[in-house]
């Protein structure tokens, strides 16, 4: 996970009420976190990216998944799931934006939560894929950051590769014209792939001994 990839834009504090209460206007969340700008990018410019929000409680003893978040709109109530590591995926819904939907939460009174952006590469299906199916995420991510950050782009590093994270030792083989190149995971069960322009042009087959659980974009 590329944590805090963009500056946190929204910090929300709970009101002193019991149980479920309003957390934020849906439109404010979408616009403040630039979700509208990200999803306005052509699909071909973001199809290799997993873009999400990170829910970060100020209280280190709590996790984002300890709270329930629900969008209340004219059609009813839609939960906003938060994963164990604090990820929230939210694709803007134009109907909810137009009707001024609200987000409510069970966030405990007095607890504060901040939001930040996160961005990973999408892990292709299976144990074998073409090089660019994964590595095109690198130029896509840099393009997306530039369009979301605007003039602040200079403050963010240029991403140069992908780190694949496994649950156990693993091997990866790039079957290029120059011959097979095998990489083994390190002590953390990770394999780092630096974007190679020659391989990007050739787009060889990549084979793995196991599926990674995460593909972190890094610099």
Protein backbone atom coordinates (compact mmCIF):
# COMPACT_ATOMS: atom_id res chain seq x y z
CA UNK A 1 0.00 0.00 0.00
CA UNK A 2 1.38 3.43 -0.92
CA UNK A 3 0.21 5.19 2.22
CA UNK A 4 -0.48 8.92 2.28
CA UNK A 5 0.24 9.17 -1.42
CA UNK A 6 -1.46 12.54 -1.48
CA UNK A 7 -1.86 14.96 1.39
CA UNK A 8 -4.77 14.21 3.69
CA UNK A 9 -7.49 16.63 2.70
CA UNK A 10 -10.21 15.95 5.20
CA UNK A 11 -10.15 15.52 8.98
CA UNK A 12 -13.45 14.75 10.64
CA UNK A 13 -14.28 14.83 14.32
CA UNK A 14 -17.30 13.16 15.83
CA UNK A 15 -20.02 15.13 17.53
CA UNK A 16 -20.96 14.46 21.13
CA UNK A 17 -23.99 12.30 20.36
CA UNK A 18 -24.75 8.69 21.07
CA UNK A 19 -24.59 5.84 18.57
CA UNK A 20 -25.07 6.67 14.87
CA UNK A 21 -24.68 10.29 13.78
CA UNK A 22 -23.79 12.36 10.74
CA UNK A 23 -20.14 12.13 9.73
CA UNK A 24 -19.93 14.21 6.54
CA UNK A 25 -21.98 15.34 3.54
CA UNK A 26 -21.39 12.84 0.72
CA UNK A 27 -20.60 15.61 -1.78
CA UNK A 28 -18.04 17.20 0.54
CA UNK A 29 -16.22 13.90 0.94
CA UNK A 30 -16.16 13.20 -2.79
CA UNK A 31 -14.94 16.68 -3.74
CA UNK A 32 -12.50 17.18 -0.85
CA UNK A 33 -10.81 13.86 -1.56
CA UNK A 34 -10.83 14.55 -5.33
CA UNK A 35 -12.63 11.33 -6.09
CA UNK A 36 -14.58 13.15 -8.79
CA UNK A 37 -11.32 14.18 -10.49
CA UNK A 38 -9.84 10.71 -10.30
CA UNK A 39 -12.90 8.96 -11.73
CA UNK A 40 -13.20 11.56 -14.47
CA UNK A 41 -9.92 10.21 -15.90
CA UNK A 42 -10.52 7.92 -18.91
CA UNK A 43 -10.79 4.28 -17.83
CA UNK A 44 -7.73 3.43 -19.96
CA UNK A 45 -5.66 5.79 -17.77
CA UNK A 46 -6.56 4.08 -14.48
CA UNK A 47 -7.47 0.46 -15.27
CA UNK A 48 -4.19 -0.81 -13.72
CA UNK A 49 -4.70 1.14 -10.48
CA UNK A 50 -6.42 0.39 -7.18
CA UNK A 51 -7.33 3.82 -5.78
CA UNK A 52 -8.80 4.05 -2.28
CA UNK A 53 -9.12 6.15 0.85
CA UNK A 54 -7.29 5.34 4.07
CA UNK A 55 -9.34 5.79 7.22
CA UNK A 56 -6.92 6.68 10.03
CA UNK A 57 -8.24 7.10 13.60
CA UNK A 58 -6.19 9.49 15.73
CA UNK A 59 -6.46 6.95 18.53
CA UNK A 60 -3.78 4.34 17.75
CA UNK A 61 -5.73 1.72 19.68
CA UNK A 62 -8.52 1.89 17.08
CA UNK A 63 -8.76 0.84 13.43
CA UNK A 64 -10.89 2.36 10.69
CA UNK A 65 -12.79 -0.93 10.47
CA UNK A 66 -13.91 -0.48 14.08
CA UNK A 67 -16.46 2.08 12.83
CA UNK A 68 -19.49 1.66 10.58
CA UNK A 69 -19.98 4.18 7.77
CA UNK A 70 -23.26 4.37 5.85
CA UNK A 71 -24.47 6.59 3.00
CA UNK A 72 -28.05 7.74 3.63
CA UNK A 73 -29.73 8.64 0.34
CA UNK A 74 -33.20 8.80 -1.18
CA UNK A 75 -33.08 5.14 -2.15
CA UNK A 76 -32.18 3.94 1.33
CA UNK A 77 -28.91 3.17 3.11
CA UNK A 78 -25.67 1.89 1.52
CA UNK A 79 -22.82 0.68 3.76
CA UNK A 80 -19.26 1.90 3.11
CA UNK A 81 -17.07 -1.07 4.07
CA UNK A 82 -13.63 -0.42 5.58
CA UNK A 83 -11.04 -3.22 5.41
CA UNK A 84 -8.95 -4.35 8.38
CA UNK A 85 -6.06 -2.15 7.18
CA UNK A 86 -8.31 0.91 6.83
CA UNK A 87 -9.08 0.94 3.11
CA UNK A 88 -12.35 2.41 1.87
CA UNK A 89 -13.26 2.20 -1.83
CA UNK A 90 -15.70 4.86 -2.92
CA UNK A 91 -16.81 5.47 -6.52
CA UNK A 92 -18.84 8.69 -6.86
CA UNK A 93 -22.55 8.25 -7.48
CA UNK A 94 -23.98 11.22 -9.41
CA UNK A 95 -27.51 10.68 -8.12
CA UNK A 96 -26.33 10.82 -4.51
CA UNK A 97 -24.26 13.92 -5.25
CA UNK A 98 -27.28 15.69 -6.72
CA UNK A 99 -29.59 14.83 -3.82
CA UNK A 100 -27.10 15.89 -1.13
CA UNK A 101 -26.78 12.48 0.53
CA UNK A 102 -25.23 12.21 3.99
CA UNK A 103 -22.72 9.80 5.51
CA UNK A 104 -23.42 8.63 9.05
CA UNK A 105 -21.13 6.71 11.38
CA UNK A 106 -20.95 4.85 14.67
CA UNK A 107 -17.62 6.54 15.38
CA UNK A 108 -17.29 6.92 19.18
CA UNK A 109 -17.86 10.37 20.63
CA UNK A 110 -14.66 12.37 20.94
CA UNK A 111 -12.68 10.22 18.49
CA UNK A 112 -11.15 11.86 15.42
CA UNK A 113 -10.56 10.31 12.02
CA UNK A 114 -8.49 11.59 9.09
CA UNK A 115 -8.60 10.48 5.47
CA UNK A 116 -5.77 10.15 2.99
CA UNK A 117 -5.37 8.68 -0.48
CA UNK A 118 -3.80 5.33 -1.23
CA UNK A 119 -2.89 3.78 -4.57
CA UNK A 120 -1.67 0.28 -5.46
CA UNK A 121 -1.23 -1.62 -8.69
CA UNK A 122 -4.02 -4.03 -9.60
CA UNK A 123 -2.77 -7.63 -9.34
CA UNK A 124 -3.54 -9.47 -12.60
CA UNK A 125 -5.46 -12.74 -12.42
CA UNK A 126 -3.68 -16.07 -12.22
CA UNK A 127 0.01 -16.93 -11.93
CA UNK A 128 1.03 -15.86 -15.42
CA UNK A 129 0.52 -12.58 -17.22
CA UNK A 130 2.12 -10.17 -19.66
CA UNK A 131 4.64 -7.70 -18.22
CA UNK A 132 2.63 -4.59 -19.05
CA UNK A 133 -0.53 -5.94 -17.43
CA UNK A 134 1.15 -5.12 -14.12
CA UNK A 135 3.88 -2.61 -14.93
CA UNK A 136 1.72 -0.15 -16.89
CA UNK A 137 0.46 0.79 -13.42
CA UNK A 138 3.66 2.80 -12.90
CA UNK A 139 3.16 5.42 -15.67
CA UNK A 140 -0.57 5.40 -14.96
CA UNK A 141 0.04 6.23 -11.30
CA UNK A 142 2.43 9.09 -12.08
CA UNK A 143 -0.05 10.53 -14.58
CA UNK A 144 -2.91 10.26 -12.06
CA UNK A 145 -0.88 11.90 -9.28
CA UNK A 146 0.02 14.76 -11.59
CA UNK A 147 -3.62 15.40 -12.46
CA UNK A 148 -4.85 15.11 -8.88
CA UNK A 149 -2.06 17.07 -7.22
CA UNK A 150 -1.81 19.85 -9.79
CA UNK A 151 0.86 22.38 -8.86
CA UNK A 152 1.70 20.35 -5.75
CA UNK A 153 3.02 17.51 -7.96
CA UNK A 154 6.59 18.65 -7.26
CA UNK A 155 6.23 17.57 -3.63
CA UNK A 156 5.58 13.92 -4.50
CA UNK A 157 8.17 11.39 -5.64
CA UNK A 158 8.04 9.85 -9.09
CA UNK A 159 7.01 6.22 -8.75
CA UNK A 160 9.41 3.84 -10.48
CA UNK A 161 8.32 0.30 -9.76
CA UNK A 162 6.09 -2.23 -8.04
CA UNK A 163 6.79 -4.33 -4.95
CA UNK A 164 4.92 -7.63 -4.91
CA UNK A 165 4.18 -8.91 -1.40
CA UNK A 166 3.64 -12.61 -0.73
CA UNK A 167 2.49 -14.70 2.23
CA UNK A 168 5.41 -17.09 1.73
CA UNK A 169 8.69 -17.31 -0.23
CA UNK A 170 8.04 -16.97 -3.96
CA UNK A 171 9.76 -16.81 -7.31
CA UNK A 172 9.02 -14.71 -10.37
CA UNK A 173 10.34 -15.44 -13.87
CA UNK A 174 10.42 -12.92 -16.73
CA UNK A 175 10.57 -14.88 -19.98
CA UNK A 176 12.10 -12.26 -22.27
CA UNK A 177 13.87 -12.65 -25.63
CA UNK A 178 17.20 -12.19 -23.85
CA UNK A 179 16.49 -15.28 -21.76
CA UNK A 180 14.59 -16.16 -18.62
CA UNK A 181 15.31 -13.98 -15.59
CA UNK A 182 14.26 -15.36 -12.23
CA UNK A 183 13.77 -13.26 -9.11
CA UNK A 184 13.27 -14.66 -5.61
CA UNK A 185 11.49 -12.98 -2.73
CA UNK A 186 13.57 -11.42 0.04
CA UNK A 187 13.40 -11.98 3.80
CA UNK A 188 10.09 -10.07 3.88
CA UNK A 189 8.61 -12.27 1.13
CA UNK A 190 8.72 -9.34 -1.31
CA UNK A 191 9.89 -8.98 -4.91
CA UNK A 192 10.68 -5.50 -6.24
CA UNK A 193 10.23 -4.85 -9.95
CA UNK A 194 11.72 -1.66 -11.34
CA UNK A 195 9.98 -0.52 -14.52
CA UNK A 196 12.21 -1.51 -17.46
CA UNK A 197 11.50 0.37 -20.69
CA UNK A 198 12.96 -2.39 -22.87
CA UNK A 199 10.73 -4.99 -21.20
CA UNK A 200 7.78 -2.62 -21.44
CA UNK A 201 8.35 -2.43 -25.20
CA UNK A 202 8.73 -6.23 -25.52
CA UNK A 203 5.93 -7.07 -23.06
CA UNK A 204 7.15 -10.60 -22.19
CA UNK A 205 5.34 -13.25 -20.16
CA UNK A 206 5.80 -13.16 -16.37
CA UNK A 207 5.28 -16.36 -14.36
CA UNK A 208 4.97 -16.65 -10.57
CA UNK A 209 5.14 -19.54 -8.12
CA UNK A 210 2.45 -17.97 -5.91
CA UNK A 211 0.00 -15.08 -6.02
CA UNK A 212 0.96 -11.89 -4.19
CA UNK A 213 -1.52 -10.36 -1.75
CA UNK A 214 -0.45 -6.79 -2.52
CA UNK A 215 1.27 -4.86 -5.31
CA UNK A 216 2.64 -1.64 -3.84
CA UNK A 217 3.66 1.18 -6.12
CA UNK A 218 6.94 2.64 -4.91
CA UNK A 219 9.78 4.97 -5.76
